[in-house]
PDB file of N, CA and C in Angstrom:
ATOM      1  N   MET A   1       0.796  -1.367  -0.001  1.00  0.00           N
ATOM      2  CA  MET A   1       0.093  -0.018   0.057  1.00  0.00           C
ATOM      3  C   MET A   1       0.865   1.162  -0.022  1.00  0.00           C
ATOM      4  N   ALA A   2       0.573   2.059  -0.874  1.00  0.00           N
ATOM      5  CA  ALA A   2       1.362   3.444  -0.881  1.00  0.00           C
ATOM      6  C   ALA A   2       0.922   4.405   0.070  1.00  0.00           C
ATOM      7  N   VAL A   3       2.025   4.994   0.681  1.00  0.00           N
ATOM      8  CA  VAL A   3       1.849   6.020   1.616  1.00  0.00           C
ATOM      9  C   VAL A   3       1.991   7.270   1.112  1.00  0.00           C
ATOM     10  N   ARG A   4       1.006   8.262   1.435  1.00  0.00           N
ATOM     11  CA  ARG A   4       1.139   9.480   0.816  1.00  0.00           C
ATOM     12  C   ARG A   4       2.412  10.339   1.688  1.00  0.00           C
ATOM     13  N   GLN A   5       3.175  11.208   0.974  1.00  0.00           N
ATOM     14  CA  GLN A   5       4.173  11.861   1.649  1.00  0.00           C
ATOM     15  C   GLN A   5       3.857  12.711   2.820  1.00  0.00           C
ATOM     16  N   GLU A   6       2.567  13.319   2.751  1.00  0.00           N
ATOM     17  CA  GLU A   6       2.050  14.306   3.878  1.00  0.00           C
ATOM     18  C   GLU A   6       1.625  13.334   5.021  1.00  0.00           C
ATOM     19  N   ASP A   7       1.475  11.980   4.894  1.00  0.00           N
ATOM     20  CA  ASP A   7       1.261  11.162   6.044  1.00  0.00           C
ATOM     21  C   ASP A   7       2.623  10.727   6.872  1.00  0.00           C
ATOM     22  N   LEU A   8       3.777  11.077   6.322  1.00  0.00           N
ATOM     23  CA  LEU A   8       4.904  10.620   6.874  1.00  0.00           C
ATOM     24  C   LEU A   8       5.509  11.557   7.780  1.00  0.00           C
ATOM     25  N   SER A   9       6.130  11.049   8.931  1.00  0.00           N
ATOM     26  CA  SER A   9       6.823  11.832  10.010  1.00  0.00           C
ATOM     27  C   SER A   9       7.965  12.625   9.248  1.00  0.00           C
ATOM     28  N   GLU A  10       8.503  13.690   9.936  1.00  0.00           N
ATOM     29  CA  GLU A  10       9.622  14.252   9.575  1.00  0.00           C
ATOM     30  C   GLU A  10      10.895  13.330   9.446  1.00  0.00           C
ATOM     31  N   HIS A  11      10.991  12.403  10.442  1.00  0.00           N
ATOM     32  CA  HIS A  11      12.076  11.350  10.354  1.00  0.00           C
ATOM     33  C   HIS A  11      12.014  10.532   9.022  1.00  0.00           C
ATOM     34  N   ALA A  12      10.713  10.074   8.907  1.00  0.00           N
ATOM     35  CA  ALA A  12      10.367   9.106   7.875  1.00  0.00           C
ATOM     36  C   ALA A  12      10.753   9.923   6.435  1.00  0.00           C
ATOM     37  N   LEU A  13      10.378  11.202   6.372  1.00  0.00           N
ATOM     38  CA  LEU A  13      10.612  11.771   5.055  1.00  0.00           C
ATOM     39  C   LEU A  13      11.962  12.179   4.909  1.00  0.00           C
ATOM     40  N   ALA A  14      12.855  12.296   5.875  1.00  0.00           N
ATOM     41  CA  ALA A  14      14.283  12.418   5.835  1.00  0.00           C
ATOM     42  C   ALA A  14      14.723  11.170   5.346  1.00  0.00           C
ATOM     43  N   ARG A  15      14.351  10.170   5.892  1.00  0.00           N
ATOM     44  CA  ARG A  15      14.832   8.844   5.554  1.00  0.00           C
ATOM     45  C   ARG A  15      14.562   8.468   4.018  1.00  0.00           C
ATOM     46  N   GLN A  16      13.264   8.740   3.583  1.00  0.00           N
ATOM     47  CA  GLN A  16      13.021   8.567   2.287  1.00  0.00           C
ATOM     48  C   GLN A  16      13.713   9.362   1.259  1.00  0.00           C
ATOM     49  N   ALA A  17      14.065  10.603   1.717  1.00  0.00           N
ATOM     50  CA  ALA A  17      14.851  11.448   0.896  1.00  0.00           C
ATOM     51  C   ALA A  17      16.268  10.853   0.777  1.00  0.00           C
ATOM     52  N   GLY A  18      16.797  10.336   1.749  1.00  0.00           N
ATOM     53  CA  GLY A  18      18.205   9.582   1.724  1.00  0.00           C
ATOM     54  C   GLY A  18      18.094   8.413   0.890  1.00  0.00           C
ATOM     55  N   PHE A  19      17.027   7.580   0.862  1.00  0.00           N
ATOM     56  CA  PHE A  19      16.894   6.428  -0.001  1.00  0.00           C
ATOM     57  C   PHE A  19      16.848   6.904  -1.597  1.00  0.00           C
ATOM     58  N   ASP A  20      15.981   8.085  -1.712  1.00  0.00           N
ATOM     59  CA  ASP A  20      15.870   8.553  -3.239  1.00  0.00           C
ATOM     60  C   ASP A  20      17.327   9.046  -3.550  1.00  0.00           C
ATOM     61  N   ARG A  21      18.082   9.782  -2.820  1.00  0.00           N
ATOM     62  CA  ARG A  21      19.429  10.196  -3.273  1.00  0.00           C
ATOM     63  C   ARG A  21      20.244   8.976  -3.487  1.00  0.00           C
ATOM     64  N   SER A  22      20.245   8.079  -2.642  1.00  0.00           N
ATOM     65  CA  SER A  22      21.110   6.897  -2.813  1.00  0.00           C
ATOM     66  C   SER A  22      20.832   6.047  -4.200  1.00  0.00           C
ATOM     67  N   TRP A  23      19.476   5.915  -4.389  1.00  0.00           N
ATOM     68  CA  TRP A  23      19.024   5.176  -5.593  1.00  0.00           C
ATOM     69  C   TRP A  23      19.489   5.987  -6.908  1.00  0.00           C
ATOM     70  N   SER A  24      19.293   7.321  -6.755  1.00  0.00           N
ATOM     71  CA  SER A  24      19.801   8.158  -7.866  1.00  0.00           C
ATOM     72  C   SER A  24      21.280   8.125  -8.174  1.00  0.00           C
ATOM     73  N   HIS A  25      22.066   8.131  -7.085  1.00  0.00           N
ATOM     74  CA  HIS A  25      23.496   8.144  -7.274  1.00  0.00           C
ATOM     75  C   HIS A  25      23.840   6.768  -7.746  1.00  0.00           C
ATOM     76  N   GLY A  26      23.144   5.781  -7.329  1.00  0.00           N
ATOM     77  CA  GLY A  26      23.597   4.302  -7.982  1.00  0.00           C
ATOM     78  C   GLY A  26      23.115   4.236  -9.249  1.00  0.00           C
ATOM     79  N   GLN A  27      22.053   4.736  -9.833  1.00  0.00           N
ATOM     80  CA  GLN A  27      21.665   4.753 -11.063  1.00  0.00           C
ATOM     81  C   GLN A  27      22.707   5.601 -11.891  1.00  0.00           C
ATOM     82  N   LYS A  28      23.067   6.629 -11.469  1.00  0.00           N
ATOM     83  CA  LYS A  28      24.192   7.424 -12.319  1.00  0.00           C
ATOM     84  C   LYS A  28      25.461   6.538 -12.376  1.00  0.00           C
ATOM     85  N   MET A  29      25.925   6.015 -11.249  1.00  0.00           N
ATOM     86  CA  MET A  29      27.132   5.189 -11.164  1.00  0.00           C
ATOM     87  C   MET A  29      27.295   4.056 -12.229  1.00  0.00           C
ATOM     88  N   LEU A  30      25.930   3.498 -12.387  1.00  0.00           N
ATOM     89  CA  LEU A  30      25.993   2.323 -13.295  1.00  0.00           C
ATOM     90  C   LEU A  30      25.957   2.708 -14.778  1.00  0.00           C
ATOM     91  N   THR A  31      25.960   4.109 -15.100  1.00  0.00           N
ATOM     92  CA  THR A  31      26.167   4.350 -16.472  1.00  0.00           C
ATOM     93  C   THR A  31      27.641   4.415 -16.771  1.00  0.00           C
ATOM     94  N   ASP A  32      28.524   4.299 -15.885  1.00  0.00           N
ATOM     95  CA  ASP A  32      30.012   4.131 -16.048  1.00  0.00           C
ATOM     96  C   ASP A  32      30.271   2.822 -16.585  1.00  0.00           C
ATOM     97  N   PRO A  33      30.656   2.720 -17.700  1.00  0.00           N
ATOM     98  CA  PRO A  33      31.019   1.305 -18.310  1.00  0.00           C
ATOM     99  C   PRO A  33      32.000   0.496 -17.424  1.00  0.00           C
ATOM    100  N   GLN A  34      32.968   1.119 -17.131  1.00  0.00           N
ATOM    101  CA  GLN A  34      34.195   0.530 -16.390  1.00  0.00           C
ATOM    102  C   GLN A  34      33.686  -0.054 -15.026  1.00  0.00           C
ATOM    103  N   LEU A  35      32.976   0.837 -14.343  1.00  0.00           N
ATOM    104  CA  LEU A  35      32.393   0.419 -12.901  1.00  0.00           C
ATOM    105  C   LEU A  35      31.453  -0.628 -13.102  1.00  0.00           C
ATOM    106  N   ARG A  36      30.579  -0.486 -13.994  1.00  0.00           N
ATOM    107  CA  ARG A  36      29.435  -1.617 -14.260  1.00  0.00           C
ATOM    108  C   ARG A  36      30.070  -2.978 -14.645  1.00  0.00           C
ATOM    109  N   ALA A  37      31.135  -2.939 -15.357  1.00  0.00           N
ATOM    110  CA  ALA A  37      31.807  -4.094 -15.798  1.00  0.00           C
ATOM    111  C   ALA A  37      32.573  -4.714 -14.609  1.00  0.00           C
ATOM    112  N   TYR A  38      33.087  -3.827 -13.801  1.00  0.00           N
ATOM    113  CA  TYR A  38      33.769  -4.403 -12.466  1.00  0.00           C
ATOM    114  C   TYR A  38      32.610  -4.961 -11.683  1.00  0.00           C
ATOM    115  N   LEU A  39      31.564  -4.263 -11.305  1.00  0.00           N
ATOM    116  CA  LEU A  39      30.402  -4.805 -10.582  1.00  0.00           C
ATOM    117  C   LEU A  39      30.009  -6.215 -11.106  1.00  0.00           C
ATOM    118  N   GLU A  40      29.859  -6.164 -12.476  1.00  0.00           N
ATOM    119  CA  GLU A  40      29.200  -7.423 -13.115  1.00  0.00           C
ATOM    120  C   GLU A  40      30.366  -8.588 -12.910  1.00  0.00           C
ATOM    121  N   GLN A  41      31.562  -8.482 -12.913  1.00  0.00           N
ATOM    122  CA  GLN A  41      32.642  -9.556 -12.860  1.00  0.00           C
ATOM    123  C   GLN A  41      32.757  -9.825 -11.358  1.00  0.00           C
ATOM    124  N   SER A  42      32.476  -8.907 -10.450  1.00  0.00           N
ATOM    125  CA  SER A  42      32.503  -9.211  -8.988  1.00  0.00           C
ATOM    126  C   SER A  42      31.257 -10.223  -8.671  1.00  0.00           C
ATOM    127  N   ILE A  43      30.122  -9.893  -9.264  1.00  0.00           N
ATOM    128  CA  ILE A  43      29.096 -10.669  -8.991  1.00  0.00           C
ATOM    129  C   ILE A  43      29.305 -12.159  -9.528  1.00  0.00           C
ATOM    130  N   LEU A  44      29.855 -12.245 -10.762  1.00  0.00           N
ATOM    131  CA  LEU A  44      30.246 -13.533 -11.441  1.00  0.00           C
ATOM    132  C   LEU A  44      31.263 -14.298 -10.514  1.00  0.00           C
ATOM    133  N   ARG A  45      32.097 -13.510  -9.895  1.00  0.00           N
ATOM    134  CA  ARG A  45      33.025 -14.239  -8.981  1.00  0.00           C
ATOM    135  C   ARG A  45      32.493 -14.772  -7.779  1.00  0.00           C
ATOM    136  N   VAL A  46      31.526 -13.960  -7.191  1.00  0.00           N
ATOM    137  CA  VAL A  46      30.919 -14.330  -6.064  1.00  0.00           C
ATOM    138  C   VAL A  46      29.981 -15.659  -6.364  1.00  0.00           C
ATOM    139  N   ASN A  47      29.114 -15.504  -7.323  1.00  0.00           N
ATOM    140  CA  ASN A  47      28.305 -16.618  -7.618  1.00  0.00           C
ATOM    141  C   ASN A  47      29.070 -17.859  -8.051  1.00  0.00           C
ATOM    142  N   ALA A  48      30.184 -17.798  -8.648  1.00  0.00           N
ATOM    143  CA  ALA A  48      31.131 -18.997  -9.044  1.00  0.00           C
ATOM    144  C   ALA A  48      31.840 -19.420  -7.711  1.00  0.00           C
ATOM    145  N   SER A  49      32.007 -18.749  -6.686  1.00  0.00           N
ATOM    146  CA  SER A  49      32.684 -19.156  -5.534  1.00  0.00           C
ATOM    147  C   SER A  49      32.248 -20.494  -4.877  1.00  0.00           C
ATOM    148  N   THR A  50      33.070 -21.311  -4.681  1.00  0.00           N
ATOM    149  CA  THR A  50      32.706 -22.509  -3.895  1.00  0.00           C
ATOM    150  C   THR A  50      32.887 -22.396  -2.353  1.00  0.00           C
ATOM    151  N   SER A  51      33.545 -21.259  -2.038  1.00  0.00           N
ATOM    152  CA  SER A  51      33.749 -20.953  -0.609  1.00  0.00           C
ATOM    153  C   SER A  51      32.474 -21.042   0.251  1.00  0.00           C
ATOM    154  N   ARG A  52      32.660 -21.820   1.332  1.00  0.00           N
ATOM    155  CA  ARG A  52      31.434 -21.663   2.297  1.00  0.00           C
ATOM    156  C   ARG A  52      31.648 -21.061   3.611  1.00  0.00           C
ATOM    157  N   THR A  53      32.622 -20.178   3.678  1.00  0.00           N
ATOM    158  CA  THR A  53      32.879 -19.381   4.755  1.00  0.00           C
ATOM    159  C   THR A  53      32.004 -18.488   5.173  1.00  0.00           C
ATOM    160  N   THR A  54      31.366 -18.407   6.330  1.00  0.00           N
ATOM    161  CA  THR A  54      30.492 -17.522   6.804  1.00  0.00           C
ATOM    162  C   THR A  54      31.019 -16.433   7.687  1.00  0.00           C
ATOM    163  N   LEU A  55      30.884 -15.249   7.493  1.00  0.00           N
ATOM    164  CA  LEU A  55      31.373 -14.201   8.486  1.00  0.00           C
ATOM    165  C   LEU A  55      30.178 -13.538   9.192  1.00  0.00           C
ATOM    166  N   THR A  56      30.489 -13.067  10.399  1.00  0.00           N
ATOM    167  CA  THR A  56      29.541 -12.406  11.151  1.00  0.00           C
ATOM    168  C   THR A  56      29.521 -10.922  10.503  1.00  0.00           C
ATOM    169  N   HIS A  57      28.636 -10.148  10.841  1.00  0.00           N
ATOM    170  CA  HIS A  57      28.418  -8.843  10.333  1.00  0.00           C
ATOM    171  C   HIS A  57      29.554  -8.031  10.663  1.00  0.00           C
ATOM    172  N   ASP A  58      30.122  -8.090  11.926  1.00  0.00           N
ATOM    173  CA  ASP A  58      31.191  -7.408  12.341  1.00  0.00           C
ATOM    174  C   ASP A  58      32.493  -7.842  11.677  1.00  0.00           C
ATOM    175  N   GLU A  59      32.674  -9.213  11.496  1.00  0.00           N
ATOM    176  CA  GLU A  59      33.747  -9.664  10.725  1.00  0.00           C
ATOM    177  C   GLU A  59      33.875  -9.084   9.242  1.00  0.00           C
ATOM    178  N   PHE A  60      32.778  -9.146   8.606  1.00  0.00           N
ATOM    179  CA  PHE A  60      32.700  -8.547   7.287  1.00  0.00           C
ATOM    180  C   PHE A  60      32.926  -7.069   7.215  1.00  0.00           C
ATOM    181  N   LEU A  61      32.479  -6.323   8.171  1.00  0.00           N
ATOM    182  CA  LEU A  61      32.786  -4.876   8.191  1.00  0.00           C
ATOM    183  C   LEU A  61      34.348  -4.630   8.407  1.00  0.00           C
ATOM    184  N   ALA A  62      34.888  -5.475   9.283  1.00  0.00           N
ATOM    185  CA  ALA A  62      36.377  -5.149   9.549  1.00  0.00           C
ATOM    186  C   ALA A  62      37.174  -5.551   8.335  1.00  0.00           C
ATOM    187  N   LEU A  63      36.722  -6.576   7.562  1.00  0.00           N
ATOM    188  CA  LEU A  63      37.551  -6.882   6.364  1.00  0.00           C
ATOM    189  C   LEU A  63      37.261  -5.948   5.214  1.00  0.00           C
ATOM    190  N   THR A  64      36.252  -5.258   5.080  1.00  0.00           N
ATOM    191  CA  THR A  64      35.893  -4.258   4.245  1.00  0.00           C
ATOM    192  C   THR A  64      36.132  -2.716   4.402  1.00  0.00           C
ATOM    193  N   GLU A  65      36.748  -2.319   5.560  1.00  0.00           N
ATOM    194  CA  GLU A  65      37.112  -1.053   6.010  1.00  0.00           C
ATOM    195  C   GLU A  65      37.961  -0.625   4.969  1.00  0.00           C
ATOM    196  N   THR A  66      37.942   0.760   4.638  1.00  0.00           N
ATOM    197  CA  THR A  66      39.168   1.337   3.900  1.00  0.00           C
ATOM    198  C   THR A  66      39.924   2.248   4.683  1.00  0.00           C
ATOM    199  N   ASP A  67      41.043   2.627   4.209  1.00  0.00           N
ATOM    200  CA  ASP A  67      41.918   3.489   5.100  1.00  0.00           C
ATOM    201  C   ASP A  67      41.276   4.859   5.213  1.00  0.00           C
ATOM    202  N   ALA A  68      40.229   5.243   4.373  1.00  0.00           N
ATOM    203  CA  ALA A  68      39.764   6.550   4.602  1.00  0.00           C
ATOM    204  C   ALA A  68      38.758   6.655   5.664  1.00  0.00           C
ATOM    205  N   GLU A  69      38.305   5.438   6.288  1.00  0.00           N
ATOM    206  CA  GLU A  69      37.475   5.483   7.533  1.00  0.00           C
ATOM    207  C   GLU A  69      38.073   5.746   8.740  1.00  0.00           C
TER     208      GLU A  69
END
């Protein structure tokens, strides 16, 4: 069921605006052929992987943190 914008709280409106910005940014990034090819190759590698290693949420985040953080 669709919710009308005027029925949302200020917090919900801000959250939805963030989702909308994120979606828009993602769509723009996917127009970059090199980035899209990289993402598609990454998906293929993950799908082809036979690894059954399971990480916790915190372990995954620790492995994916960048130097900028």
